[in-house]
Amino acid sequence: MKNNIAGTNAGNNQNEAKEPQASGNGRLRRMLAGLMLLIIAVLFCVLIYLAATGAPPEALLSVLFCLIVIPCLLYAFKLYIDFTTKKR
């Protein structure tokens, strides 16, 4: 705790910011976000490789589909979970 210069409210500093509680849910979210970034990076590398080697258009379109749809679905799931588990 900080010492109050005037000596009033010693030990009762209500203006200090409270430290956030560490939760397992936050750690899980960070791990899943890192995993999603890794998946997106791998898909971009695959897309560049397929484009450079002259792959059929169906392969390129399937990778582009994955790059667009998978993050959108995961974001929709996250919104649904946040909405249904909201503390009231």
Protein backbone atom coordinates (compact mmCIF):
# COMPACT_ATOMS: atom_id res chain seq x y z
CA MET A 1 0.00 0.00 0.00
CA LYS A 2 1.04 3.55 -0.60
CA ASN A 3 1.52 5.89 2.32
CA ASN A 4 -0.82 8.85 2.35
CA ILE A 5 1.07 12.14 2.75
CA ALA A 6 -1.63 13.83 4.82
CA GLY A 7 -1.99 10.80 7.08
CA THR A 8 -5.72 10.44 6.53
CA ASN A 9 -7.26 7.26 5.21
CA ALA A 10 -4.08 5.36 6.02
CA GLY A 11 -4.53 1.81 4.86
CA ASN A 12 -7.84 2.59 3.14
CA ASN A 13 -6.86 3.60 -0.38
CA GLN A 14 -10.05 3.23 -2.38
CA ASN A 15 -8.61 5.07 -5.38
CA GLU A 16 -6.01 2.40 -6.09
CA ALA A 17 -6.77 0.16 -9.04
CA LYS A 18 -7.72 -3.35 -8.08
CA GLU A 19 -5.62 -6.12 -9.59
CA PRO A 20 -7.58 -8.42 -11.90
CA GLN A 21 -8.16 -11.94 -10.70
CA ALA A 22 -6.30 -14.60 -12.66
CA SER A 23 -8.71 -17.15 -14.03
CA GLY A 24 -8.34 -20.35 -15.95
CA ASN A 25 -10.83 -19.08 -18.53
CA GLY A 26 -8.57 -16.19 -19.52
CA ARG A 27 -5.60 -18.50 -19.91
CA LEU A 28 -7.67 -20.85 -22.07
CA ARG A 29 -8.79 -17.97 -24.27
CA ARG A 30 -5.21 -16.81 -24.78
CA MET A 31 -4.12 -20.32 -25.70
CA LEU A 32 -6.99 -20.73 -28.17
CA ALA A 33 -6.26 -17.31 -29.69
CA GLY A 34 -2.62 -18.28 -30.17
CA LEU A 35 -3.66 -21.58 -31.72
CA MET A 36 -6.02 -19.76 -34.09
CA LEU A 37 -3.26 -17.37 -35.15
CA LEU A 38 -1.01 -20.34 -35.84
CA ILE A 39 -3.70 -22.01 -37.96
CA ILE A 40 -4.26 -18.81 -39.93
CA ALA A 41 -0.52 -18.41 -40.52
CA VAL A 42 -0.22 -22.00 -41.75
CA LEU A 43 -3.21 -21.52 -44.06
CA PHE A 44 -1.63 -18.36 -45.51
CA CYS A 45 1.62 -20.24 -46.14
CA VAL A 46 -0.31 -23.05 -47.83
CA LEU A 47 -2.18 -20.50 -49.93
CA ILE A 48 1.06 -18.86 -51.08
CA TYR A 49 2.61 -22.26 -51.83
CA LEU A 50 -0.40 -23.42 -53.83
CA ALA A 51 -0.52 -20.17 -55.78
CA ALA A 52 3.20 -20.31 -56.56
CA THR A 53 3.13 -23.93 -57.72
CA GLY A 54 0.13 -23.52 -59.98
CA ALA A 55 -2.34 -25.63 -58.04
CA PRO A 56 -5.86 -26.12 -59.39
CA PRO A 57 -8.33 -23.32 -58.58
CA GLU A 58 -10.38 -25.66 -56.39
CA ALA A 59 -7.47 -26.06 -53.98
CA LEU A 60 -6.91 -22.31 -53.78
CA LEU A 61 -10.60 -21.66 -53.24
CA SER A 62 -10.80 -24.28 -50.49
CA VAL A 63 -7.92 -22.66 -48.59
CA LEU A 64 -9.49 -19.21 -49.03
CA PHE A 65 -12.79 -20.62 -47.80
CA CYS A 66 -11.06 -21.95 -44.67
CA LEU A 67 -9.33 -18.61 -44.10
CA ILE A 68 -12.67 -16.80 -44.14
CA VAL A 69 -15.16 -19.25 -42.63
CA ILE A 70 -13.21 -20.83 -39.74
CA PRO A 71 -12.41 -17.52 -37.96
CA CYS A 72 -15.99 -16.31 -38.52
CA LEU A 73 -17.43 -19.48 -37.00
CA LEU A 74 -15.13 -19.32 -34.00
CA TYR A 75 -16.03 -15.67 -33.44
CA ALA A 76 -19.74 -16.53 -33.66
CA PHE A 77 -19.26 -19.34 -31.11
CA LYS A 78 -17.43 -16.92 -28.82
CA LEU A 79 -20.24 -14.38 -29.07
CA TYR A 80 -22.83 -17.07 -28.36
CA ILE A 81 -20.96 -18.35 -25.31
CA ASP A 82 -20.42 -14.83 -23.98
CA PHE A 83 -24.10 -14.03 -24.48
CA THR A 84 -25.40 -17.20 -22.85
CA THR A 85 -23.03 -17.13 -19.87
CA LYS A 86 -23.36 -13.43 -19.10
CA LYS A 87 -23.42 -12.70 -15.38
CA ARG A 88 -26.63 -10.97 -14.39
